[in-house]
Amino acid sequence: MNIGANDKFFFLLSYHGKAAVMQYSFMLREDIDVAALNKAAPMAVEAFPLFGLRPVVERDGKLIMEEDHEEMLISRDDSKNVCLGSDDTNGYLFRITYSDRCIKIVASHAIGDGRSILSFSITLLYYYLLETGRQIDTQGMVYTIEDKNDPTLTDNLFDRLKEVDATAGQSQSAPLDRFFYSPEEKIYMGTPDTRRLVLSWDQNRFMEIVRSEGATPLIYVHDLITRTMYEYYGLNDKTIIAFVPIDLREKLESRSQANFTFNVDLWLDKELLDKPAKERYESLKSMLRTAGRLENIAATVDAVRPLYEELNSMSFNDVDRLENMLDLSNVTKSYLLSNIGMIRMPDDIEKYVADVDIYFSAREASPVYSMLTFANKGMLIIGQNYEETGLIEALGNKFTELGIPCKLEDQGILKMDDLDIRRFKHR
């Protein structure tokens, strides 16, 4: 099976430097039934075709994906790191571990975005609970084996965007003339290490404030991060650019389990920051609506399509071309802001889940901010490649000053699983 350029891109990034990897952790209200978990995992994979594939590098250096018939290794969490896609995992680009009451799913970004890896995790919980004898009403919220013949499950985003009239749109990008890039020394670049910090708050109180201001959670947090950056770094006239992933499944009427998000620019500069808060929020909402129109996304993709076509044709034996492509992958942004939103699952599953957390590697130099909510706990999880925590401390103080008391946890250095195409199957 061939994969799309947007999926292959994450393999390319893992050629040199650390890979983009995500982990969902589910703390259950009871001890883990290991036998049930071992039975549930193959059924979850059957419902998610991409999770049953392994990467193979052919003699000419082309990367393909083949069905993986090896045993799926499920083990007690021992905090040891592995290389996904290698013999460490019998070729699978994900793995499942467990502790007394916790199930962890670690997966490469190459087989899915944050939403599809979350969906796989919930499917795993669904089959796990069935194996423990529970009755589960999916409420139409779970991918199951019965869905596996849905042709949209393996939709490729860039192929689907070819169906959109790009001539009706306009390529979107932020102004780069005064772009701000945080000055901290990026000491964890090219390693599996990420400095992890978590801000958490009462979500009901947070939403009261956001609604009263006429904002949305993502707009409010982007505005707050930008204003904190301006104060913390002593900026005068800079542009703060956030990459914001937009899920395009609903707009393209797809249930794709592959990478199906597209990053758009959401930015603030001195001119916008000088406006009253509600004007800023309306400007940002308008900017996000415009950038998120399908015809504009299609036009943006068309502008860089030659780059992705080159990527699709690339041999992993061509080291010089790989290095050149890696240089081009260093995109211009101040940070990435992902709003996973409320973790939704069927009531019959949620009642067995005490807590949910997400971990991710911050592969690039720019920090990653990820928002999520579960059980009325709002969280902003920060992954960064440098030691300094002053900006996040200042951000936490801002939340509190605005009437949203929050807790900051500095969880130190997180070492995650990685990928290395040199350890994939070769033939």
Protein backbone atom coordinates (compact mmCIF):
# COMPACT_ATOMS: atom_id res chain seq x y z
CA MET A 1 0.00 0.00 0.00
CA ASN A 2 1.30 3.45 -0.89
CA ILE A 3 0.79 6.25 1.61
CA GLY A 4 0.14 9.91 0.89
CA ALA A 5 2.77 12.63 0.91
CA ASN A 6 1.39 14.15 4.10
CA ASP A 7 1.87 10.80 5.87
CA LYS A 8 5.25 10.10 4.25
CA PHE A 9 6.41 13.53 5.43
CA PHE A 10 6.58 12.22 9.01
CA PHE A 11 8.80 9.34 7.93
CA LEU A 12 11.05 11.84 6.20
CA LEU A 13 11.37 13.90 9.37
CA SER A 14 12.40 10.79 11.31
CA TYR A 15 15.29 10.20 8.91
CA HIS A 16 17.39 12.76 10.73
CA GLY A 17 16.44 13.85 14.22
CA LYS A 18 13.60 12.70 16.42
CA ALA A 19 10.24 11.55 15.15
CA ALA A 20 6.78 12.98 15.75
CA VAL A 21 5.21 10.57 18.25
CA MET A 22 2.03 10.78 20.36
CA GLN A 23 0.86 8.87 23.42
CA TYR A 24 -2.60 8.65 24.98
CA SER A 25 -2.84 7.37 28.55
CA PHE A 26 -6.14 6.16 30.01
CA MET A 27 -6.35 5.67 33.78
CA LEU A 28 -9.19 3.23 34.44
CA ARG A 29 -11.21 2.77 37.62
CA GLU A 30 -10.19 -0.87 37.98
CA ASP A 31 -7.16 -3.09 37.49
CA ILE A 32 -6.26 -4.02 33.93
CA ASP A 33 -7.40 -7.43 32.68
CA VAL A 34 -4.33 -8.38 30.64
CA ALA A 35 -5.99 -11.31 28.86
CA ALA A 36 -8.85 -9.05 27.72
CA LEU A 37 -6.38 -6.41 26.52
CA ASN A 38 -4.49 -8.97 24.44
CA LYS A 39 -7.73 -10.10 22.80
CA ALA A 40 -8.95 -6.54 22.20
CA ALA A 41 -5.83 -5.20 20.47
CA PRO A 42 -6.09 -7.26 17.22
CA MET A 43 -9.77 -6.34 16.93
CA ALA A 44 -8.96 -2.63 17.28
CA VAL A 45 -6.31 -2.99 14.56
CA GLU A 46 -8.80 -4.77 12.29
CA ALA A 47 -11.00 -1.67 12.59
CA PHE A 48 -8.03 0.61 11.76
CA PRO A 49 -6.34 -0.61 8.54
CA LEU A 50 -3.33 1.74 8.77
CA PHE A 51 -2.44 0.44 12.23
CA GLY A 52 -1.99 -3.05 10.80
CA LEU A 53 0.75 -2.01 8.39
CA ARG A 54 4.52 -1.98 8.71
CA PRO A 55 6.97 0.23 6.78
CA VAL A 56 9.31 -1.48 4.34
CA VAL A 57 12.20 0.15 2.47
CA GLU A 58 12.79 -1.53 -0.88
CA ARG A 59 16.17 -1.95 -2.54
CA ASP A 60 15.68 1.22 -4.61
CA GLY A 61 14.98 3.19 -1.42
CA LYS A 62 11.23 3.54 -1.95
CA LEU A 63 9.07 3.32 1.16
CA ILE A 64 5.96 1.15 1.02
CA MET A 65 3.52 -0.12 3.64
CA GLU A 66 2.72 -3.83 3.93
CA GLU A 67 0.26 -5.76 6.04
CA ASP A 68 2.00 -6.85 9.24
CA HIS A 69 1.38 -10.50 10.13
CA GLU A 70 3.70 -10.55 13.13
CA GLU A 71 2.47 -10.88 16.69
CA MET A 72 1.40 -7.63 18.33
CA LEU A 73 3.58 -7.11 21.41
CA ILE A 74 1.61 -5.88 24.43
CA SER A 75 3.64 -5.51 27.59
CA ARG A 76 3.70 -4.10 31.10
CA ASP A 77 5.01 -0.55 31.07
CA ASP A 78 8.69 -0.62 32.05
CA SER A 79 9.53 2.94 30.96
CA LYS A 80 11.97 1.62 28.35
CA ASN A 81 11.86 3.31 24.97
CA VAL A 82 11.67 1.52 21.64
CA CYS A 83 11.99 2.27 17.95
CA LEU A 84 8.52 2.14 16.41
CA GLY A 85 8.31 0.34 13.05
CA SER A 86 11.38 -1.78 13.84
CA ASP A 87 11.83 -5.28 15.22
CA ASP A 88 11.29 -3.72 18.67
CA THR A 89 7.57 -3.66 17.87
CA ASN A 90 7.53 -6.43 15.23
CA GLY A 91 7.20 -3.69 12.63
CA TYR A 92 4.11 -1.98 14.02
CA LEU A 93 4.17 1.83 14.12
CA PHE A 94 2.44 1.86 17.47
CA ARG A 95 2.57 -0.08 20.70
CA ILE A 96 0.35 -0.75 23.71
CA THR A 97 1.59 -0.97 27.28
CA TYR A 98 -0.21 -1.20 30.60
CA SER A 99 0.35 -0.77 34.33
CA ASP A 100 -1.99 -1.66 37.21
CA ARG A 101 -4.85 0.61 36.10
CA CYS A 102 -3.48 2.41 33.05
CA ILE A 103 -3.46 1.63 29.31
CA LYS A 104 -1.03 3.57 27.11
CA ILE A 105 -1.11 3.81 23.32
CA VAL A 106 2.01 5.25 21.65
CA ALA A 107 1.87 5.84 17.89
CA SER A 108 3.82 7.48 15.10
CA HIS A 109 2.32 10.58 13.53
CA ALA A 110 2.95 8.81 10.20
CA ILE A 111 -0.16 6.61 10.65
CA GLY A 112 -2.48 9.23 12.04
CA ASP A 113 -3.03 12.67 13.51
CA GLY A 114 -3.98 13.32 17.12
CA ARG A 115 -7.67 12.73 16.47
CA SER A 116 -7.22 9.41 14.64
CA ILE A 117 -4.81 8.07 17.29
CA LEU A 118 -7.36 9.08 19.94
CA SER A 119 -10.10 7.32 17.95
CA PHE A 120 -7.97 4.16 17.77
CA SER A 121 -7.46 4.35 21.54
CA ILE A 122 -11.21 4.57 22.16
CA THR A 123 -11.81 1.63 19.81
CA LEU A 124 -9.25 -0.34 21.83
CA LEU A 125 -11.10 0.54 25.05
CA TYR A 126 -14.38 -0.50 23.42
CA TYR A 127 -13.16 -3.99 22.53
CA TYR A 128 -11.34 -4.29 25.86
CA LEU A 129 -14.52 -3.60 27.81
CA LEU A 130 -16.48 -6.02 25.60
CA GLU A 131 -13.90 -8.70 26.42
CA THR A 132 -14.39 -8.03 30.14
CA GLY A 133 -18.10 -8.75 29.74
CA ARG A 134 -19.51 -5.21 29.57
CA GLN A 135 -22.30 -4.12 27.27
CA ILE A 136 -21.38 -0.97 25.35
CA ASP A 137 -23.66 1.36 23.41
CA THR A 138 -21.24 3.07 20.99
CA GLN A 139 -23.64 6.01 20.44
CA GLY A 140 -22.16 6.15 16.91
CA MET A 141 -18.86 7.41 18.36
CA VAL A 142 -16.59 4.37 17.84
CA TYR A 143 -14.88 2.94 14.75
CA THR A 144 -15.62 -0.81 14.78
CA ILE A 145 -14.74 -3.81 12.63
CA GLU A 146 -18.09 -3.38 10.89
CA ASP A 147 -16.77 -0.06 9.51
CA LYS A 148 -13.62 -1.49 7.91
CA ASN A 149 -15.10 -1.59 4.40
CA ASP A 150 -15.83 2.14 4.46
CA PRO A 151 -13.72 3.35 1.50
CA THR A 152 -13.02 6.70 3.15
CA LEU A 153 -11.05 5.17 6.05
CA THR A 154 -7.80 5.36 4.06
CA ASP A 155 -8.57 8.64 2.31
CA ASN A 156 -5.49 10.70 1.52
CA LEU A 157 -5.97 14.37 2.34
CA PHE A 158 -4.03 15.83 -0.58
CA ASP A 159 -5.78 13.56 -3.07
CA ARG A 160 -9.18 14.59 -1.71
CA LEU A 161 -8.22 18.27 -1.90
CA LYS A 162 -7.70 17.82 -5.67
CA GLU A 163 -11.50 17.57 -5.86
CA VAL A 164 -11.80 21.15 -4.57
CA ASP A 165 -11.69 24.07 -7.00
CA ALA A 166 -8.44 25.75 -5.96
CA THR A 167 -8.92 28.53 -8.52
CA ALA A 168 -11.82 29.80 -6.40
CA GLY A 169 -9.51 30.24 -3.43
CA GLN A 170 -6.36 32.08 -2.46
CA SER A 171 -3.23 30.70 -0.83
CA GLN A 172 -3.05 31.83 2.81
CA SER A 173 0.05 32.66 4.84
CA ALA A 174 1.07 35.01 7.62
CA PRO A 175 3.30 38.05 7.05
CA LEU A 176 6.91 37.10 7.78
CA ASP A 177 8.68 40.45 7.73
CA ARG A 178 8.65 40.82 11.53
CA PHE A 179 8.23 37.16 12.48
CA PHE A 180 9.21 36.29 16.08
CA TYR A 181 11.13 33.14 16.92
CA SER A 182 11.80 32.38 20.59
CA PRO A 183 15.49 32.86 21.45
CA GLU A 184 16.06 29.99 23.92
CA GLU A 185 18.83 27.53 23.13
CA LYS A 186 17.18 24.41 21.65
CA ILE A 187 19.24 21.85 23.50
CA TYR A 188 16.93 18.87 22.85
CA MET A 189 16.76 19.19 19.07
CA GLY A 190 17.45 15.88 17.34
CA THR A 191 16.85 13.80 20.48
CA PRO A 192 13.80 11.90 21.75
CA ASP A 193 13.64 14.31 24.70
CA THR A 194 10.92 16.90 25.30
CA ARG A 195 10.51 19.25 28.26
CA ARG A 196 6.89 18.84 29.40
CA LEU A 197 4.81 21.39 31.31
CA VAL A 198 1.08 21.27 32.06
CA LEU A 199 -1.30 24.09 32.97
CA SER A 200 -4.68 22.86 34.25
CA TRP A 201 -7.85 24.65 35.35
CA ASP A 202 -11.56 24.30 36.03
CA GLN A 203 -13.08 24.12 32.54
CA ASN A 204 -16.46 25.52 33.56
CA ARG A 205 -14.81 28.67 34.91
CA PHE A 206 -12.61 28.92 31.82
CA MET A 207 -15.62 28.71 29.49
CA GLU A 208 -17.53 31.34 31.50
CA ILE A 209 -14.70 33.80 30.86
CA VAL A 210 -14.26 32.83 27.20
CA ARG A 211 -17.97 33.20 26.41
CA SER A 212 -18.25 36.51 28.25
CA GLU A 213 -15.43 37.84 26.05
CA GLY A 214 -17.04 36.66 22.81
CA ALA A 215 -14.07 34.41 22.03
CA THR A 216 -13.55 30.68 21.46
CA PRO A 217 -11.16 28.57 23.56
CA LEU A 218 -8.51 28.43 20.83
CA ILE A 219 -8.77 32.15 19.98
CA TYR A 220 -8.67 33.14 23.65
CA VAL A 221 -5.59 31.03 24.38
CA HIS A 222 -3.71 32.16 21.26
CA ASP A 223 -4.36 35.78 22.17
CA LEU A 224 -3.23 35.17 25.75
CA ILE A 225 -0.04 33.35 24.71
CA THR A 226 0.82 36.13 22.27
CA ARG A 227 0.29 38.92 24.81
CA THR A 228 2.36 37.00 27.36
CA MET A 229 5.17 36.57 24.80
CA TYR A 230 5.14 40.30 24.09
CA GLU A 231 5.56 41.11 27.78
CA TYR A 232 7.95 38.30 28.67
CA TYR A 233 10.37 38.85 25.79
CA GLY A 234 9.99 42.65 25.80
CA LEU A 235 8.80 42.76 22.19
CA ASN A 236 7.92 46.00 20.42
CA ASP A 237 6.72 45.22 16.91
CA LYS A 238 6.82 41.52 16.11
CA THR A 239 4.41 39.05 14.51
CA ILE A 240 3.54 35.96 16.56
CA ILE A 241 2.50 33.11 14.26
CA ALA A 242 0.75 29.99 15.51
CA PHE A 243 0.25 26.91 13.35
CA VAL A 244 -3.28 25.66 14.04
CA PRO A 245 -4.28 22.18 12.81
CA ILE A 246 -7.78 22.09 11.26
CA ASP A 247 -9.57 18.75 11.01
CA LEU A 248 -11.00 18.46 7.47
CA ARG A 249 -12.93 15.20 7.83
CA GLU A 250 -16.34 16.80 8.19
CA LYS A 251 -15.76 19.33 5.40
CA LEU A 252 -14.62 16.60 2.98
CA GLU A 253 -17.21 14.08 4.20
CA SER A 254 -14.54 11.57 5.11
CA ARG A 255 -13.97 9.21 8.05
CA SER A 256 -10.29 8.96 7.22
CA GLN A 257 -8.09 7.39 9.87
CA ALA A 258 -4.92 8.84 8.29
CA ASN A 259 -3.47 12.32 8.77
CA PHE A 260 -6.40 14.51 7.81
CA THR A 261 -5.59 17.84 9.45
CA PHE A 262 -4.09 20.87 7.75
CA ASN A 263 -2.07 23.52 9.56
CA VAL A 264 -3.16 27.12 8.97
CA ASP A 265 -1.54 30.35 10.17
CA LEU A 266 -3.15 32.33 12.98
CA TRP A 267 -1.17 35.45 13.78
CA LEU A 268 -1.11 38.61 15.86
CA ASP A 269 1.06 41.70 15.42
CA LYS A 270 1.41 45.05 17.19
CA GLU A 271 -1.45 46.61 15.20
CA LEU A 272 -3.89 43.89 16.21
CA LEU A 273 -2.64 43.76 19.79
CA ASP A 274 -3.36 47.46 20.23
CA LYS A 275 -7.05 46.90 19.48
CA PRO A 276 -9.62 46.19 22.24
CA ALA A 277 -9.93 42.52 23.21
CA LYS A 278 -13.25 41.88 21.50
CA GLU A 279 -11.98 43.41 18.24
CA ARG A 280 -8.91 41.17 18.42
CA TYR A 281 -11.08 38.11 18.95
CA GLU A 282 -13.32 38.97 16.00
CA SER A 283 -10.27 39.58 13.78
CA LEU A 284 -8.78 36.23 14.78
CA LYS A 285 -12.06 34.37 14.25
CA SER A 286 -12.39 35.92 10.80
CA MET A 287 -8.77 35.01 9.99
CA LEU A 288 -9.36 31.40 11.04
CA ARG A 289 -12.60 31.14 9.03
CA THR A 290 -10.87 32.47 5.92
CA ALA A 291 -7.82 30.21 6.28
CA GLY A 292 -10.09 27.21 6.91
CA ARG A 293 -12.19 27.52 3.75
CA LEU A 294 -11.66 24.46 1.59
CA GLU A 295 -10.96 26.46 -1.55
CA ASN A 296 -8.27 28.46 0.26
CA ILE A 297 -6.69 25.32 1.72
CA ALA A 298 -6.74 23.73 -1.75
CA ALA A 299 -5.03 26.82 -3.19
CA THR A 300 -2.40 26.73 -0.42
CA VAL A 301 -1.71 23.04 -1.11
CA ASP A 302 -1.52 23.65 -4.86
CA ALA A 303 1.16 26.27 -4.26
CA VAL A 304 3.40 23.67 -2.59
CA ARG A 305 2.23 20.57 -4.48
CA PRO A 306 5.50 20.28 -6.47
CA LEU A 307 7.33 19.92 -3.16
CA TYR A 308 5.04 17.09 -2.06
CA GLU A 309 5.26 15.38 -5.45
CA GLU A 310 9.04 15.45 -5.08
CA LEU A 311 8.63 13.97 -1.62
CA ASN A 312 6.43 11.15 -2.98
CA SER A 313 9.04 10.22 -5.57
CA MET A 314 11.98 10.40 -3.20
CA SER A 315 14.27 7.47 -2.48
CA PHE A 316 15.49 7.04 1.05
CA ASN A 317 18.84 6.06 -0.47
CA ASP A 318 19.34 9.62 -1.73
CA VAL A 319 20.89 11.19 1.36
CA ASP A 320 21.62 14.58 -0.25
CA ARG A 321 18.01 15.06 -1.37
CA LEU A 322 16.77 14.00 2.04
CA GLU A 323 18.95 16.58 3.73
CA ASN A 324 17.70 19.29 1.36
CA MET A 325 14.07 18.34 2.03
CA LEU A 326 14.72 18.43 5.76
CA ASP A 327 15.97 21.99 5.44
CA LEU A 328 12.72 22.91 3.66
CA SER A 329 10.70 21.29 6.44
CA ASN A 330 11.85 23.89 8.97
CA VAL A 331 8.69 25.92 8.58
CA THR A 332 8.22 29.39 9.99
CA LYS A 333 6.09 29.61 13.09
CA SER A 334 6.37 30.89 16.64
CA TYR A 335 4.62 27.82 18.02
CA LEU A 336 2.01 25.18 17.21
CA LEU A 337 -1.38 25.37 18.95
CA SER A 338 -3.59 22.29 18.75
CA ASN A 339 -7.06 22.22 20.27
CA ILE A 340 -7.99 18.58 20.76
CA GLY A 341 -11.02 19.85 22.65
CA MET A 342 -13.20 17.73 24.86
CA ILE A 343 -12.24 14.06 24.95
CA ARG A 344 -15.51 12.46 23.88
CA MET A 345 -16.35 8.79 24.22
CA PRO A 346 -19.57 6.80 24.74
CA ASP A 347 -21.07 7.03 28.21
CA ASP A 348 -20.65 3.26 28.66
CA ILE A 349 -16.88 3.67 28.16
CA GLU A 350 -16.36 6.98 29.97
CA LYS A 351 -17.79 5.66 33.24
CA TYR A 352 -14.79 3.29 33.48
CA VAL A 353 -12.21 6.02 32.71
CA ALA A 354 -10.90 8.08 35.62
CA ASP A 355 -8.52 10.32 33.67
CA VAL A 356 -6.96 10.91 30.25
CA ASP A 357 -3.62 12.43 29.33
CA ILE A 358 -1.69 13.04 26.12
CA TYR A 359 2.06 13.10 25.62
CA PHE A 360 3.89 14.14 22.47
CA SER A 361 7.38 14.81 21.22
CA ALA A 362 8.24 18.40 20.29
CA ARG A 363 10.25 17.51 17.21
CA GLU A 364 10.91 21.00 15.89
CA ALA A 365 12.52 23.96 17.59
CA SER A 366 9.19 25.76 18.02
CA PRO A 367 7.23 24.72 21.13
CA VAL A 368 3.96 22.81 20.88
CA TYR A 369 0.86 23.76 22.90
CA SER A 370 -1.99 21.25 23.02
CA MET A 371 -5.39 21.95 24.61
CA LEU A 372 -7.78 19.27 25.84
CA THR A 373 -10.60 18.78 28.33
CA PHE A 374 -11.73 15.73 30.25
CA ALA A 375 -14.10 15.53 33.22
CA ASN A 376 -14.23 19.33 33.58
CA LYS A 377 -10.44 19.60 33.78
CA GLY A 378 -9.03 21.90 31.13
CA MET A 379 -5.38 21.41 30.21
CA LEU A 380 -2.76 23.19 28.17
CA ILE A 381 0.14 20.80 27.63
CA ILE A 382 3.41 22.33 26.49
CA GLY A 383 6.25 20.44 24.84
CA GLN A 384 9.47 22.36 24.24
CA ASN A 385 13.08 21.72 23.29
CA TYR A 386 14.68 24.04 25.84
CA GLU A 387 15.06 24.27 29.61
CA GLU A 388 13.65 27.73 30.37
CA THR A 389 10.15 27.71 31.88
CA GLY A 390 9.72 31.43 32.57
CA LEU A 391 7.27 32.05 29.72
CA ILE A 392 4.94 29.27 30.88
CA GLU A 393 5.12 30.51 34.48
CA ALA A 394 4.16 33.99 33.24
CA LEU A 395 1.33 32.46 31.20
CA GLY A 396 -0.01 30.66 34.29
CA ASN A 397 0.04 33.95 36.19
CA LYS A 398 -1.93 35.58 33.36
CA PHE A 399 -4.65 32.92 33.61
CA THR A 400 -4.96 33.55 37.35
CA GLU A 401 -5.05 37.34 36.91
CA LEU A 402 -7.92 36.92 34.46
CA GLY A 403 -10.00 34.99 36.99
CA ILE A 404 -9.04 31.45 35.88
CA PRO A 405 -6.97 29.98 38.72
CA CYS A 406 -4.66 27.34 37.29
CA LYS A 407 -2.05 24.86 38.40
CA LEU A 408 1.35 24.56 36.72
CA GLU A 409 3.21 21.25 36.75
CA ASP A 410 6.77 21.12 35.47
CA GLN A 411 7.10 17.43 34.67
CA GLY A 412 10.70 17.69 33.55
CA ILE A 413 12.25 15.82 30.64
CA LEU A 414 10.08 13.30 28.85
CA LYS A 415 11.89 10.71 26.74
CA MET A 416 9.58 9.14 24.17
CA ASP A 417 9.72 6.30 21.67
CA ASP A 418 11.29 7.19 18.34
CA LEU A 419 11.53 6.11 14.71
CA ASP A 420 14.60 5.39 12.60
CA ILE A 421 14.06 4.28 9.02
CA ARG A 422 17.47 2.59 9.08
CA ARG A 423 15.86 0.08 11.47
CA PHE A 424 12.81 -0.59 9.29
CA LYS A 425 12.58 -3.81 7.31
CA HIS A 426 14.77 -3.54 4.18
CA ARG A 427 14.81 -5.77 1.13
